Amino acid sequence: MANSRLLLAGLRDAGAYLDSQGVERPARLEWALKARRDPNEPGKKEKEAQQDKLALQFRRLFARQKKDVEARLGVLFPLKAYQLPFDATIFADPEAEAEIMKILLYSTLNGVEMFQAAMTLQM
């Protein structure tokens, strides 16, 4: 099951639980439940697969950056880590950024191709 489907199932379960307890659903939960793609949308599965790949790459990148930041803060300022003025560019990850760009470009090109295929107007 795709990550996005698991997330959506969890959100639905949370909404059902709140309903069963008589608690009003938060606006953000309502937004998240409505933000998923239309079931009849052309290329829905492919789009969700690309969306999941992109989310995974961002999670990996942020996890690596978090470890780097924690390590540097712990060594440089063990008692006052929150005061560290640092240049965030030292945490760049060219490989992860390249993978993210590849997914974005593929998704964009795929969207353009789907749009062209759906167009009936020609000049």
PDB file of N, CA and C in Angstrom:
ATOM      1  N   MET A   1       0.848  -1.176   0.000  1.00  0.00           N
ATOM      2  CA  MET A   1       0.000   0.000   0.000  1.00  0.00           C
ATOM      3  C   MET A   1       0.892   1.235   0.000  1.00  0.00           C
ATOM      4  N   ALA A   2       0.571   2.211  -0.801  1.00  0.00           N
ATOM      5  CA  ALA A   2       1.373   3.420  -0.924  1.00  0.00           C
ATOM      6  C   ALA A   2       1.317   4.238   0.360  1.00  0.00           C
ATOM      7  N   ASN A   3       2.379   4.999   0.587  1.00  0.00           N
ATOM      8  CA  ASN A   3       2.432   5.850   1.775  1.00  0.00           C
ATOM      9  C   ASN A   3       1.239   6.791   1.844  1.00  0.00           C
ATOM     10  N   SER A   4       0.856   7.359   0.716  1.00  0.00           N
ATOM     11  CA  SER A   4      -0.254   8.310   0.718  1.00  0.00           C
ATOM     12  C   SER A   4      -1.563   7.617   1.094  1.00  0.00           C
ATOM     13  N   ARG A   5      -1.722   6.371   0.705  1.00  0.00           N
ATOM     14  CA  ARG A   5      -2.947   5.640   1.063  1.00  0.00           C
ATOM     15  C   ARG A   5      -2.970   5.320   2.552  1.00  0.00           C
ATOM     16  N   LEU A   6      -1.821   4.959   3.098  1.00  0.00           N
ATOM     17  CA  LEU A   6      -1.746   4.710   4.535  1.00  0.00           C
ATOM     18  C   LEU A   6      -2.058   5.969   5.326  1.00  0.00           C
ATOM     19  N   LEU A   7      -1.502   7.075   4.871  1.00  0.00           N
ATOM     20  CA  LEU A   7      -1.764   8.352   5.540  1.00  0.00           C
ATOM     21  C   LEU A   7      -3.246   8.699   5.485  1.00  0.00           C
ATOM     22  N   LEU A   8      -3.829   8.557   4.324  1.00  0.00           N
ATOM     23  CA  LEU A   8      -5.249   8.865   4.171  1.00  0.00           C
ATOM     24  C   LEU A   8      -6.104   7.955   5.046  1.00  0.00           C
ATOM     25  N   ALA A   9      -5.749   6.674   5.125  1.00  0.00           N
ATOM     26  CA  ALA A   9      -6.494   5.752   5.987  1.00  0.00           C
ATOM     27  C   ALA A   9      -6.384   6.181   7.446  1.00  0.00           C
ATOM     28  N   GLY A  10      -5.208   6.602   7.855  1.00  0.00           N
ATOM     29  CA  GLY A  10      -5.022   7.081   9.223  1.00  0.00           C
ATOM     30  C   GLY A  10      -5.836   8.324   9.513  1.00  0.00           C
ATOM     31  N   LEU A  11      -5.875   9.237   8.555  1.00  0.00           N
ATOM     32  CA  LEU A  11      -6.669  10.454   8.727  1.00  0.00           C
ATOM     33  C   LEU A  11      -8.154  10.133   8.834  1.00  0.00           C
ATOM     34  N   ARG A  12      -8.589   9.186   8.016  1.00  0.00           N
ATOM     35  CA  ARG A  12     -10.006   8.786   8.092  1.00  0.00           C
ATOM     36  C   ARG A  12     -10.324   8.148   9.447  1.00  0.00           C
ATOM     37  N   ASP A  13      -9.404   7.310   9.925  1.00  0.00           N
ATOM     38  CA  ASP A  13      -9.601   6.688  11.244  1.00  0.00           C
ATOM     39  C   ASP A  13      -9.662   7.747  12.332  1.00  0.00           C
ATOM     40  N   ALA A  14      -8.791   8.737  12.244  1.00  0.00           N
ATOM     41  CA  ALA A  14      -8.797   9.813  13.240  1.00  0.00           C
ATOM     42  C   ALA A  14     -10.119  10.568  13.193  1.00  0.00           C
ATOM     43  N   GLY A  15     -10.603  10.837  11.991  1.00  0.00           N
ATOM     44  CA  GLY A  15     -11.890  11.525  11.854  1.00  0.00           C
ATOM     45  C   GLY A  15     -13.035  10.700  12.417  1.00  0.00           C
ATOM     46  N   ALA A  16     -13.012   9.402  12.142  1.00  0.00           N
ATOM     47  CA  ALA A  16     -14.066   8.519  12.662  1.00  0.00           C
ATOM     48  C   ALA A  16     -14.020   8.466  14.183  1.00  0.00           C
ATOM     49  N   TYR A  17     -12.822   8.432  14.746  1.00  0.00           N
ATOM     50  CA  TYR A  17     -12.697   8.405  16.205  1.00  0.00           C
ATOM     51  C   TYR A  17     -13.264   9.693  16.813  1.00  0.00           C
ATOM     52  N   LEU A  18     -12.884  10.832  16.243  1.00  0.00           N
ATOM     53  CA  LEU A  18     -13.400  12.103  16.758  1.00  0.00           C
ATOM     54  C   LEU A  18     -14.923  12.146  16.671  1.00  0.00           C
ATOM     55  N   ASP A  19     -15.458  11.654  15.558  1.00  0.00           N
ATOM     56  CA  ASP A  19     -16.919  11.619  15.394  1.00  0.00           C
ATOM     57  C   ASP A  19     -17.564  10.748  16.477  1.00  0.00           C
ATOM     58  N   SER A  20     -16.951   9.594  16.759  1.00  0.00           N
ATOM     59  CA  SER A  20     -17.528   8.680  17.750  1.00  0.00           C
ATOM     60  C   SER A  20     -17.488   9.264  19.155  1.00  0.00           C
ATOM     61  N   GLN A  21     -16.561  10.177  19.394  1.00  0.00           N
ATOM     62  CA  GLN A  21     -16.441  10.797  20.714  1.00  0.00           C
ATOM     63  C   GLN A  21     -17.219  12.104  20.807  1.00  0.00           C
ATOM     64  N   GLY A  22     -17.870  12.481  19.706  1.00  0.00           N
ATOM     65  CA  GLY A  22     -18.639  13.721  19.707  1.00  0.00           C
ATOM     66  C   GLY A  22     -17.779  14.972  19.690  1.00  0.00           C
ATOM     67  N   VAL A  23     -16.556  14.839  19.193  1.00  0.00           N
ATOM     68  CA  VAL A  23     -15.627  15.967  19.142  1.00  0.00           C
ATOM     69  C   VAL A  23     -15.623  16.528  17.720  1.00  0.00           C
ATOM     70  N   GLU A  24     -15.677  17.828  17.606  1.00  0.00           N
ATOM     71  CA  GLU A  24     -15.655  18.468  16.284  1.00  0.00           C
ATOM     72  C   GLU A  24     -14.293  18.252  15.627  1.00  0.00           C
ATOM     73  N   ARG A  25     -14.318  17.914  14.361  1.00  0.00           N
ATOM     74  CA  ARG A  25     -13.068  17.698  13.631  1.00  0.00           C
ATOM     75  C   ARG A  25     -12.333  19.023  13.435  1.00  0.00           C
ATOM     76  N   PRO A  26     -11.012  19.031  13.636  1.00  0.00           N
ATOM     77  CA  PRO A  26     -10.244  20.251  13.373  1.00  0.00           C
ATOM     78  C   PRO A  26     -10.291  20.597  11.883  1.00  0.00           C
ATOM     79  N   ALA A  27     -10.223  21.866  11.576  1.00  0.00           N
ATOM     80  CA  ALA A  27     -10.273  22.321  10.185  1.00  0.00           C
ATOM     81  C   ALA A  27      -9.144  21.711   9.361  1.00  0.00           C
ATOM     82  N   ARG A  28      -7.978  21.536   9.958  1.00  0.00           N
ATOM     83  CA  ARG A  28      -6.842  20.971   9.211  1.00  0.00           C
ATOM     84  C   ARG A  28      -7.101  19.522   8.818  1.00  0.00           C
ATOM     85  N   LEU A  29      -7.785  18.781   9.673  1.00  0.00           N
ATOM     86  CA  LEU A  29      -8.117  17.397   9.335  1.00  0.00           C
ATOM     87  C   LEU A  29      -9.089  17.370   8.163  1.00  0.00           C
ATOM     88  N   GLU A  30     -10.080  18.229   8.190  1.00  0.00           N
ATOM     89  CA  GLU A  30     -11.039  18.307   7.080  1.00  0.00           C
ATOM     90  C   GLU A  30     -10.314  18.661   5.792  1.00  0.00           C
ATOM     91  N   TRP A  31      -9.397  19.626   5.869  1.00  0.00           N
ATOM     92  CA  TRP A  31      -8.640  20.028   4.676  1.00  0.00           C
ATOM     93  C   TRP A  31      -7.830  18.854   4.153  1.00  0.00           C
ATOM     94  N   ALA A  32      -7.146  18.133   5.054  1.00  0.00           N
ATOM     95  CA  ALA A  32      -6.293  17.011   4.631  1.00  0.00           C
ATOM     96  C   ALA A  32      -7.115  15.909   3.979  1.00  0.00           C
ATOM     97  N   LEU A  33      -8.298  15.646   4.500  1.00  0.00           N
ATOM     98  CA  LEU A  33      -9.139  14.608   3.913  1.00  0.00           C
ATOM     99  C   LEU A  33      -9.634  14.998   2.529  1.00  0.00           C
ATOM    100  N   LYS A  34      -9.859  16.284   2.312  1.00  0.00           N
ATOM    101  CA  LYS A  34     -10.350  16.747   1.010  1.00  0.00           C
ATOM    102  C   LYS A  34      -9.224  16.987   0.018  1.00  0.00           C
ATOM    103  N   ALA A  35      -7.994  17.085   0.493  1.00  0.00           N
ATOM    104  CA  ALA A  35      -6.876  17.455  -0.365  1.00  0.00           C
ATOM    105  C   ALA A  35      -6.381  16.307  -1.242  1.00  0.00           C
ATOM    106  N   ARG A  36      -6.808  15.092  -0.982  1.00  0.00           N
ATOM    107  CA  ARG A  36      -6.373  13.973  -1.800  1.00  0.00           C
ATOM    108  C   ARG A  36      -6.957  14.088  -3.207  1.00  0.00           C
ATOM    109  N   ARG A  37      -6.406  13.358  -4.101  1.00  0.00           N
ATOM    110  CA  ARG A  37      -6.808  13.440  -5.508  1.00  0.00           C
ATOM    111  C   ARG A  37      -8.185  12.837  -5.750  1.00  0.00           C
ATOM    112  N   ASP A  38      -8.829  13.343  -6.769  1.00  0.00           N
ATOM    113  CA  ASP A  38     -10.127  12.836  -7.202  1.00  0.00           C
ATOM    114  C   ASP A  38      -9.940  11.393  -7.687  1.00  0.00           C
ATOM    115  N   PRO A  39     -10.796  10.461  -7.240  1.00  0.00           N
ATOM    116  CA  PRO A  39     -10.643   9.059  -7.656  1.00  0.00           C
ATOM    117  C   PRO A  39     -10.737   8.863  -9.168  1.00  0.00           C
ATOM    118  N   ASN A  40     -11.394   9.778  -9.873  1.00  0.00           N
ATOM    119  CA  ASN A  40     -11.554   9.661 -11.323  1.00  0.00           C
ATOM    120  C   ASN A  40     -10.506  10.446 -12.102  1.00  0.00           C
ATOM    121  N   GLU A  41      -9.553  11.025 -11.423  1.00  0.00           N
ATOM    122  CA  GLU A  41      -8.534  11.842 -12.077  1.00  0.00           C
ATOM    123  C   GLU A  41      -7.654  10.978 -12.974  1.00  0.00           C
ATOM    124  N   PRO A  42      -7.415  11.413 -14.208  1.00  0.00           N
ATOM    125  CA  PRO A  42      -6.531  10.634 -15.103  1.00  0.00           C
ATOM    126  C   PRO A  42      -5.113  10.571 -14.532  1.00  0.00           C
ATOM    127  N   GLY A  43      -4.520   9.395 -14.554  1.00  0.00           N
ATOM    128  CA  GLY A  43      -3.150   9.229 -14.081  1.00  0.00           C
ATOM    129  C   GLY A  43      -3.000   9.321 -12.575  1.00  0.00           C
ATOM    130  N   LYS A  44      -4.080   9.112 -11.847  1.00  0.00           N
ATOM    131  CA  LYS A  44      -4.072   9.271 -10.385  1.00  0.00           C
ATOM    132  C   LYS A  44      -3.011   8.396  -9.723  1.00  0.00           C
ATOM    133  N   LYS A  45      -2.938   7.125 -10.103  1.00  0.00           N
ATOM    134  CA  LYS A  45      -1.988   6.210  -9.460  1.00  0.00           C
ATOM    135  C   LYS A  45      -0.548   6.647  -9.708  1.00  0.00           C
ATOM    136  N   GLU A  46      -0.250   7.024 -10.928  1.00  0.00           N
ATOM    137  CA  GLU A  46       1.108   7.472 -11.261  1.00  0.00           C
ATOM    138  C   GLU A  46       1.448   8.751 -10.491  1.00  0.00           C
ATOM    139  N   LYS A  47       0.499   9.671 -10.418  1.00  0.00           N
ATOM    140  CA  LYS A  47       0.746  10.922  -9.699  1.00  0.00           C
ATOM    141  C   LYS A  47       0.981  10.656  -8.212  1.00  0.00           C
ATOM    142  N   GLU A  48       0.175   9.789  -7.618  1.00  0.00           N
ATOM    143  CA  GLU A  48       0.357   9.475  -6.204  1.00  0.00           C
ATOM    144  C   GLU A  48       1.679   8.758  -5.966  1.00  0.00           C
ATOM    145  N   ALA A  49       2.091   7.912  -6.907  1.00  0.00           N
ATOM    146  CA  ALA A  49       3.370   7.216  -6.769  1.00  0.00           C
ATOM    147  C   ALA A  49       4.520   8.223  -6.777  1.00  0.00           C
ATOM    148  N   GLN A  50       4.460   9.197  -7.683  1.00  0.00           N
ATOM    149  CA  GLN A  50       5.497  10.228  -7.738  1.00  0.00           C
ATOM    150  C   GLN A  50       5.469  11.094  -6.480  1.00  0.00           C
ATOM    151  N   GLN A  51       4.278  11.392  -6.008  1.00  0.00           N
ATOM    152  CA  GLN A  51       4.118  12.183  -4.791  1.00  0.00           C
ATOM    153  C   GLN A  51       4.753  11.445  -3.601  1.00  0.00           C
ATOM    154  N   ASP A  52       4.543  10.141  -3.525  1.00  0.00           N
ATOM    155  CA  ASP A  52       5.125   9.342  -2.447  1.00  0.00           C
ATOM    156  C   ASP A  52       6.649   9.298  -2.556  1.00  0.00           C
ATOM    157  N   LYS A  53       7.176   9.166  -3.788  1.00  0.00           N
ATOM    158  CA  LYS A  53       8.625   9.165  -3.978  1.00  0.00           C
ATOM    159  C   LYS A  53       9.232  10.488  -3.522  1.00  0.00           C
ATOM    160  N   LEU A  54       8.570  11.565  -3.872  1.00  0.00           N
ATOM    161  CA  LEU A  54       9.059  12.890  -3.493  1.00  0.00           C
ATOM    162  C   LEU A  54       9.046  13.062  -1.978  1.00  0.00           C
ATOM    163  N   ALA A  55       7.959  12.650  -1.344  1.00  0.00           N
ATOM    164  CA  ALA A  55       7.865  12.756   0.117  1.00  0.00           C
ATOM    165  C   ALA A  55       8.963  11.932   0.788  1.00  0.00           C
ATOM    166  N   LEU A  56       9.232  10.743   0.264  1.00  0.00           N
ATOM    167  CA  LEU A  56      10.275   9.889   0.823  1.00  0.00           C
ATOM    168  C   LEU A  56      11.642  10.565   0.720  1.00  0.00           C
ATOM    169  N   GLN A  57      11.940  11.158  -0.426  1.00  0.00           N
ATOM    170  CA  GLN A  57      13.227  11.821  -0.607  1.00  0.00           C
ATOM    171  C   GLN A  57      13.381  12.999   0.362  1.00  0.00           C
ATOM    172  N   PHE A  58      12.305  13.762   0.549  1.00  0.00           N
ATOM    173  CA  PHE A  58      12.379  14.876   1.492  1.00  0.00           C
ATOM    174  C   PHE A  58      12.574  14.368   2.920  1.00  0.00           C
ATOM    175  N   ARG A  59      11.879  13.290   3.296  1.00  0.00           N
ATOM    176  CA  ARG A  59      12.062  12.743   4.648  1.00  0.00           C
ATOM    177  C   ARG A  59      13.493  12.280   4.855  1.00  0.00           C
ATOM    178  N   ARG A  60      14.073  11.625   3.859  1.00  0.00           N
ATOM    179  CA  ARG A  60      15.462  11.160   3.967  1.00  0.00           C
ATOM    180  C   ARG A  60      16.422  12.341   4.099  1.00  0.00           C
ATOM    181  N   LEU A  61      16.226  13.353   3.260  1.00  0.00           N
ATOM    182  CA  LEU A  61      17.084  14.533   3.292  1.00  0.00           C
ATOM    183  C   LEU A  61      16.995  15.218   4.652  1.00  0.00           C
ATOM    184  N   PHE A  62      15.787  15.432   5.145  1.00  0.00           N
ATOM    185  CA  PHE A  62      15.619  16.110   6.426  1.00  0.00           C
ATOM    186  C   PHE A  62      16.172  15.287   7.581  1.00  0.00           C
ATOM    187  N   ALA A  63      16.049  13.971   7.515  1.00  0.00           N
ATOM    188  CA  ALA A  63      16.595  13.114   8.575  1.00  0.00           C
ATOM    189  C   ALA A  63      18.121  13.229   8.622  1.00  0.00           C
ATOM    190  N   ARG A  64      18.771  13.225   7.457  1.00  0.00           N
ATOM    191  CA  ARG A  64      20.231  13.372   7.418  1.00  0.00           C
ATOM    192  C   ARG A  64      20.644  14.746   7.938  1.00  0.00           C
ATOM    193  N   GLN A  65      19.920  15.776   7.506  1.00  0.00           N
ATOM    194  CA  GLN A  65      20.251  17.119   7.962  1.00  0.00           C
ATOM    195  C   GLN A  65      20.056  17.257   9.472  1.00  0.00           C
ATOM    196  N   LYS A  66      19.012  16.642  10.001  1.00  0.00           N
ATOM    197  CA  LYS A  66      18.767  16.701  11.443  1.00  0.00           C
ATOM    198  C   LYS A  66      19.922  16.079  12.212  1.00  0.00           C
ATOM    199  N   LYS A  67      20.389  14.923  11.743  1.00  0.00           N
ATOM    200  CA  LYS A  67      21.520  14.267  12.405  1.00  0.00           C
ATOM    201  C   LYS A  67      22.758  15.159  12.370  1.00  0.00           C
ATOM    202  N   ASP A  68      23.027  15.782  11.210  1.00  0.00           N
ATOM    203  CA  ASP A  68      24.186  16.662  11.087  1.00  0.00           C
ATOM    204  C   ASP A  68      24.079  17.855  12.031  1.00  0.00           C
ATOM    205  N   VAL A  69      22.916  18.463  12.083  1.00  0.00           N
ATOM    206  CA  VAL A  69      22.723  19.627  12.954  1.00  0.00           C
ATOM    207  C   VAL A  69      22.902  19.224  14.417  1.00  0.00           C
ATOM    208  N   GLU A  70      22.271  18.126  14.819  1.00  0.00           N
ATOM    209  CA  GLU A  70      22.392  17.669  16.209  1.00  0.00           C
ATOM    210  C   GLU A  70      23.843  17.366  16.566  1.00  0.00           C
ATOM    211  N   ALA A  71      24.569  16.735  15.657  1.00  0.00           N
ATOM    212  CA  ALA A  71      25.967  16.407  15.934  1.00  0.00           C
ATOM    213  C   ALA A  71      26.807  17.666  16.086  1.00  0.00           C
ATOM    214  N   ARG A  72      26.617  18.611  15.179  1.00  0.00           N
ATOM    215  CA  ARG A  72      27.406  19.844  15.251  1.00  0.00           C
ATOM    216  C   ARG A  72      27.065  20.671  16.484  1.00  0.00           C
ATOM    217  N   LEU A  73      25.797  20.756  16.799  1.00  0.00           N
ATOM    218  CA  LEU A  73      25.394  21.527  17.973  1.00  0.00           C
ATOM    219  C   LEU A  73      25.909  20.883  19.249  1.00  0.00           C
ATOM    220  N   GLY A  74      25.826  19.572  19.310  1.00  0.00           N
ATOM    221  CA  GLY A  74      26.277  18.870  20.506  1.00  0.00           C
ATOM    222  C   GLY A  74      27.761  19.041  20.764  1.00  0.00           C
ATOM    223  N   VAL A  75      28.553  19.110  19.701  1.00  0.00           N
ATOM    224  CA  VAL A  75      29.999  19.262  19.845  1.00  0.00           C
ATOM    225  C   VAL A  75      30.375  20.712  20.110  1.00  0.00           C
ATOM    226  N   LEU A  76      29.819  21.622  19.342  1.00  0.00           N
ATOM    227  CA  LEU A  76      30.215  23.021  19.439  1.00  0.00           C
ATOM    228  C   LEU A  76      29.652  23.730  20.668  1.00  0.00           C
ATOM    229  N   PHE A  77      28.396  23.470  20.973  1.00  0.00           N
ATOM    230  CA  PHE A  77      27.730  24.177  22.061  1.00  0.00           C
ATOM    231  C   PHE A  77      26.882  23.205  22.885  1.00  0.00           C
ATOM    232  N   PRO A  78      27.503  22.360  23.654  1.00  0.00           N
ATOM    233  CA  PRO A  78      26.722  21.346  24.358  1.00  0.00           C
ATOM    234  C   PRO A  78      25.670  21.910  25.308  1.00  0.00           C
ATOM    235  N   LEU A  79      25.918  23.068  25.886  1.00  0.00           N
ATOM    236  CA  LEU A  79      24.955  23.638  26.835  1.00  0.00           C
ATOM    237  C   LEU A  79      24.096  24.746  26.230  1.00  0.00           C
ATOM    238  N   LYS A  80      24.548  25.310  25.124  1.00  0.00           N
ATOM    239  CA  LYS A  80      23.816  26.428  24.517  1.00  0.00           C
ATOM    240  C   LYS A  80      23.626  26.205  23.027  1.00  0.00           C
ATOM    241  N   ALA A  81      23.236  25.010  22.651  1.00  0.00           N
ATOM    242  CA  ALA A  81      23.117  24.647  21.242  1.00  0.00           C
ATOM    243  C   ALA A  81      22.129  25.530  20.501  1.00  0.00           C
ATOM    244  N   TYR A  82      21.091  25.967  21.160  1.00  0.00           N
ATOM    245  CA  TYR A  82      20.059  26.765  20.500  1.00  0.00           C
ATOM    246  C   TYR A  82      20.556  28.133  20.061  1.00  0.00           C
ATOM    247  N   GLN A  83      21.732  28.567  20.544  1.00  0.00           N
ATOM    248  CA  GLN A  83      22.250  29.891  20.196  1.00  0.00           C
ATOM    249  C   GLN A  83      23.218  29.872  19.023  1.00  0.00           C
ATOM    250  N   LEU A  84      23.433  28.713  18.447  1.00  0.00           N
ATOM    251  CA  LEU A  84      24.444  28.571  17.396  1.00  0.00           C
ATOM    252  C   LEU A  84      24.060  29.330  16.127  1.00  0.00           C
ATOM    253  N   PRO A  85      24.857  30.315  15.719  1.00  0.00           N
ATOM    254  CA  PRO A  85      24.640  30.956  14.413  1.00  0.00           C
ATOM    255  C   PRO A  85      25.436  30.168  13.365  1.00  0.00           C
ATOM    256  N   PHE A  86      24.751  29.498  12.470  1.00  0.00           N
ATOM    257  CA  PHE A  86      25.474  28.696  11.492  1.00  0.00           C
ATOM    258  C   PHE A  86      24.903  28.928  10.099  1.00  0.00           C
ATOM    259  N   ASP A  87      25.712  28.567   9.118  1.00  0.00           N
ATOM    260  CA  ASP A  87      25.335  28.680   7.717  1.00  0.00           C
ATOM    261  C   ASP A  87      24.667  27.367   7.303  1.00  0.00           C
ATOM    262  N   ALA A  88      23.401  27.409   6.978  1.00  0.00           N
ATOM    263  CA  ALA A  88      22.648  26.189   6.655  1.00  0.00           C
ATOM    264  C   ALA A  88      23.123  25.534   5.363  1.00  0.00           C
ATOM    265  N   THR A  89      23.857  26.245   4.531  1.00  0.00           N
ATOM    266  CA  THR A  89      24.315  25.648   3.269  1.00  0.00           C
ATOM    267  C   THR A  89      25.330  24.532   3.496  1.00  0.00           C
ATOM    268  N   ILE A  90      25.906  24.450   4.680  1.00  0.00           N
ATOM    269  CA  ILE A  90      26.857  23.371   4.937  1.00  0.00           C
ATOM    270  C   ILE A  90      26.157  22.025   5.032  1.00  0.00           C
ATOM    271  N   PHE A  91      24.834  22.024   5.099  1.00  0.00           N
ATOM    272  CA  PHE A  91      24.073  20.788   5.191  1.00  0.00           C
ATOM    273  C   PHE A  91      23.498  20.368   3.837  1.00  0.00           C
ATOM    274  N   ALA A  92      24.004  20.940   2.773  1.00  0.00           N
ATOM    275  CA  ALA A  92      23.513  20.581   1.441  1.00  0.00           C
ATOM    276  C   ALA A  92      23.810  19.111   1.155  1.00  0.00           C
ATOM    277  N   ASP A  93      22.910  18.496   0.405  1.00  0.00           N
ATOM    278  CA  ASP A  93      23.070  17.093   0.013  1.00  0.00           C
ATOM    279  C   ASP A  93      22.786  17.008  -1.487  1.00  0.00           C
ATOM    280  N   PRO A  94      23.824  17.185  -2.314  1.00  0.00           N
ATOM    281  CA  PRO A  94      23.616  17.226  -3.766  1.00  0.00           C
ATOM    282  C   PRO A  94      22.920  15.995  -4.337  1.00  0.00           C
ATOM    283  N   GLU A  95      23.211  14.812  -3.798  1.00  0.00           N
ATOM    284  CA  GLU A  95      22.574  13.598  -4.320  1.00  0.00           C
ATOM    285  C   GLU A  95      21.073  13.601  -4.046  1.00  0.00           C
ATOM    286  N   ALA A  96      20.690  13.955  -2.830  1.00  0.00           N
ATOM    287  CA  ALA A  96      19.262  14.001  -2.487  1.00  0.00           C
ATOM    288  C   ALA A  96      18.556  15.096  -3.279  1.00  0.00           C
ATOM    289  N   GLU A  97      19.214  16.234  -3.410  1.00  0.00           N
ATOM    290  CA  GLU A  97      18.616  17.331  -4.161  1.00  0.00           C
ATOM    291  C   GLU A  97      18.450  16.963  -5.632  1.00  0.00           C
ATOM    292  N   ALA A  98      19.407  16.224  -6.184  1.00  0.00           N
ATOM    293  CA  ALA A  98      19.304  15.773  -7.579  1.00  0.00           C
ATOM    294  C   ALA A  98      18.143  14.800  -7.747  1.00  0.00           C
ATOM    295  N   GLU A  99      17.968  13.905  -6.784  1.00  0.00           N
ATOM    296  CA  GLU A  99      16.870  12.946  -6.847  1.00  0.00           C
ATOM    297  C   GLU A  99      15.518  13.665  -6.757  1.00  0.00           C
ATOM    298  N   ILE A 100      15.430  14.648  -5.880  1.00  0.00           N
ATOM    299  CA  ILE A 100      14.201  15.431  -5.750  1.00  0.00           C
ATOM    300  C   ILE A 100      13.902  16.163  -7.056  1.00  0.00           C
ATOM    301  N   MET A 101      14.924  16.768  -7.649  1.00  0.00           N
ATOM    302  CA  MET A 101      14.731  17.490  -8.913  1.00  0.00           C
ATOM    303  C   MET A 101      14.308  16.533 -10.019  1.00  0.00           C
ATOM    304  N   LYS A 102      14.872  15.333 -10.035  1.00  0.00           N
ATOM    305  CA  LYS A 102      14.503  14.338 -11.049  1.00  0.00           C
ATOM    306  C   LYS A 102      13.022  13.968 -10.931  1.00  0.00           C
ATOM    307  N   ILE A 103      12.564  13.752  -9.706  1.00  0.00           N
ATOM    308  CA  ILE A 103      11.158  13.411  -9.486  1.00  0.00           C
ATOM    309  C   ILE A 103      10.258  14.562  -9.905  1.00  0.00           C
ATOM    310  N   LEU A 104      10.634  15.789  -9.542  1.00  0.00           N
ATOM    311  CA  LEU A 104       9.827  16.957  -9.915  1.00  0.00           C
ATOM    312  C   LEU A 104       9.756  17.127 -11.435  1.00  0.00           C
ATOM    313  N   LEU A 105      10.881  16.985 -12.107  1.00  0.00           N
ATOM    314  CA  LEU A 105      10.903  17.139 -13.570  1.00  0.00           C
ATOM    315  C   LEU A 105      10.096  16.038 -14.250  1.00  0.00           C
ATOM    316  N   TYR A 106      10.254  14.800 -13.785  1.00  0.00           N
ATOM    317  CA  TYR A 106       9.483  13.689 -14.352  1.00  0.00           C
ATOM    318  C   TYR A 106       7.983  13.943 -14.181  1.00  0.00           C
ATOM    319  N   SER A 107       7.605  14.363 -12.996  1.00  0.00           N
ATOM    320  CA  SER A 107       6.192  14.615 -12.724  1.00  0.00           C
ATOM    321  C   SER A 107       5.649  15.747 -13.596  1.00  0.00           C
ATOM    322  N   THR A 108       6.451  16.781 -13.782  1.00  0.00           N
ATOM    323  CA  THR A 108       6.031  17.904 -14.626  1.00  0.00           C
ATOM    324  C   THR A 108       5.856  17.454 -16.067  1.00  0.00           C
ATOM    325  N   LEU A 109       6.834  16.724 -16.586  1.00  0.00           N
ATOM    326  CA  LEU A 109       6.731  16.248 -17.966  1.00  0.00           C
ATOM    327  C   LEU A 109       5.547  15.307 -18.139  1.00  0.00           C
ATOM    328  N   ASN A 110       5.326  14.446 -17.178  1.00  0.00           N
ATOM    329  CA  ASN A 110       4.198  13.532 -17.232  1.00  0.00           C
ATOM    330  C   ASN A 110       2.879  14.310 -17.237  1.00  0.00           C
ATOM    331  N   GLY A 111       2.802  15.352 -16.426  1.00  0.00           N
ATOM    332  CA  GLY A 111       1.600  16.183 -16.396  1.00  0.00           C
ATOM    333  C   GLY A 111       1.350  16.890 -17.715  1.00  0.00           C
ATOM    334  N   VAL A 112       2.416  17.376 -18.338  1.00  0.00           N
ATOM    335  CA  VAL A 112       2.285  18.041 -19.642  1.00  0.00           C
ATOM    336  C   VAL A 112       1.799  17.045 -20.693  1.00  0.00           C
ATOM    337  N   GLU A 113       2.363  15.832 -20.681  1.00  0.00           N
ATOM    338  CA  GLU A 113       1.935  14.810 -21.641  1.00  0.00           C
ATOM    339  C   GLU A 113       0.469  14.432 -21.438  1.00  0.00           C
ATOM    340  N   MET A 114       0.046  14.320 -20.186  1.00  0.00           N
ATOM    341  CA  MET A 114      -1.352  13.986 -19.912  1.00  0.00           C
ATOM    342  C   MET A 114      -2.273  15.116 -20.375  1.00  0.00           C
ATOM    343  N   PHE A 115      -1.841  16.349 -20.165  1.00  0.00           N
ATOM    344  CA  PHE A 115      -2.643  17.493 -20.601  1.00  0.00           C
ATOM    345  C   PHE A 115      -2.765  17.503 -22.127  1.00  0.00           C
ATOM    346  N   GLN A 116      -1.641  17.263 -22.807  1.00  0.00           N
ATOM    347  CA  GLN A 116      -1.676  17.239 -24.267  1.00  0.00           C
ATOM    348  C   GLN A 116      -2.584  16.129 -24.773  1.00  0.00           C
ATOM    349  N   ALA A 117      -2.543  14.980 -24.143  1.00  0.00           N
ATOM    350  CA  ALA A 117      -3.378  13.852 -24.571  1.00  0.00           C
ATOM    351  C   ALA A 117      -4.863  14.145 -24.354  1.00  0.00           C
ATOM    352  N   ALA A 118      -5.171  14.937 -23.318  1.00  0.00           N
ATOM    353  CA  ALA A 118      -6.570  15.245 -22.997  1.00  0.00           C
ATOM    354  C   ALA A 118      -7.135  16.372 -23.865  1.00  0.00           C
ATOM    355  N   MET A 119      -6.266  17.157 -24.456  1.00  0.00           N
ATOM    356  CA  MET A 119      -6.727  18.299 -25.263  1.00  0.00           C
ATOM    357  C   MET A 119      -7.312  17.830 -26.582  1.00  0.00           C
ATOM    358  N   THR A 120      -8.478  18.336 -26.913  1.00  0.00           N
ATOM    359  CA  THR A 120      -9.076  17.991 -28.196  1.00  0.00           C
ATOM    360  C   THR A 120      -8.954  19.158 -29.176  1.00  0.00           C
ATOM    361  N   LEU A 121      -8.685  20.330 -28.667  1.00  0.00           N
ATOM    362  CA  LEU A 121      -8.536  21.521 -29.500  1.00  0.00           C
ATOM    363  C   LEU A 121      -7.146  21.525 -30.088  1.00  0.00           C
ATOM    364  N   GLN A 122      -7.074  21.648 -31.418  1.00  0.00           N
ATOM    365  CA  GLN A 122      -5.775  21.704 -32.072  1.00  0.00           C
ATOM    366  C   GLN A 122      -5.715  22.909 -32.972  1.00  0.00           C
ATOM    367  N   MET A 123      -4.550  23.440 -33.148  1.00  0.00           N
ATOM    368  CA  MET A 123      -4.376  24.604 -34.021  1.00  0.00           C
ATOM    369  C   MET A 123      -3.441  24.249 -35.151  1.00  0.00           C
TER     370      MET A 123
END
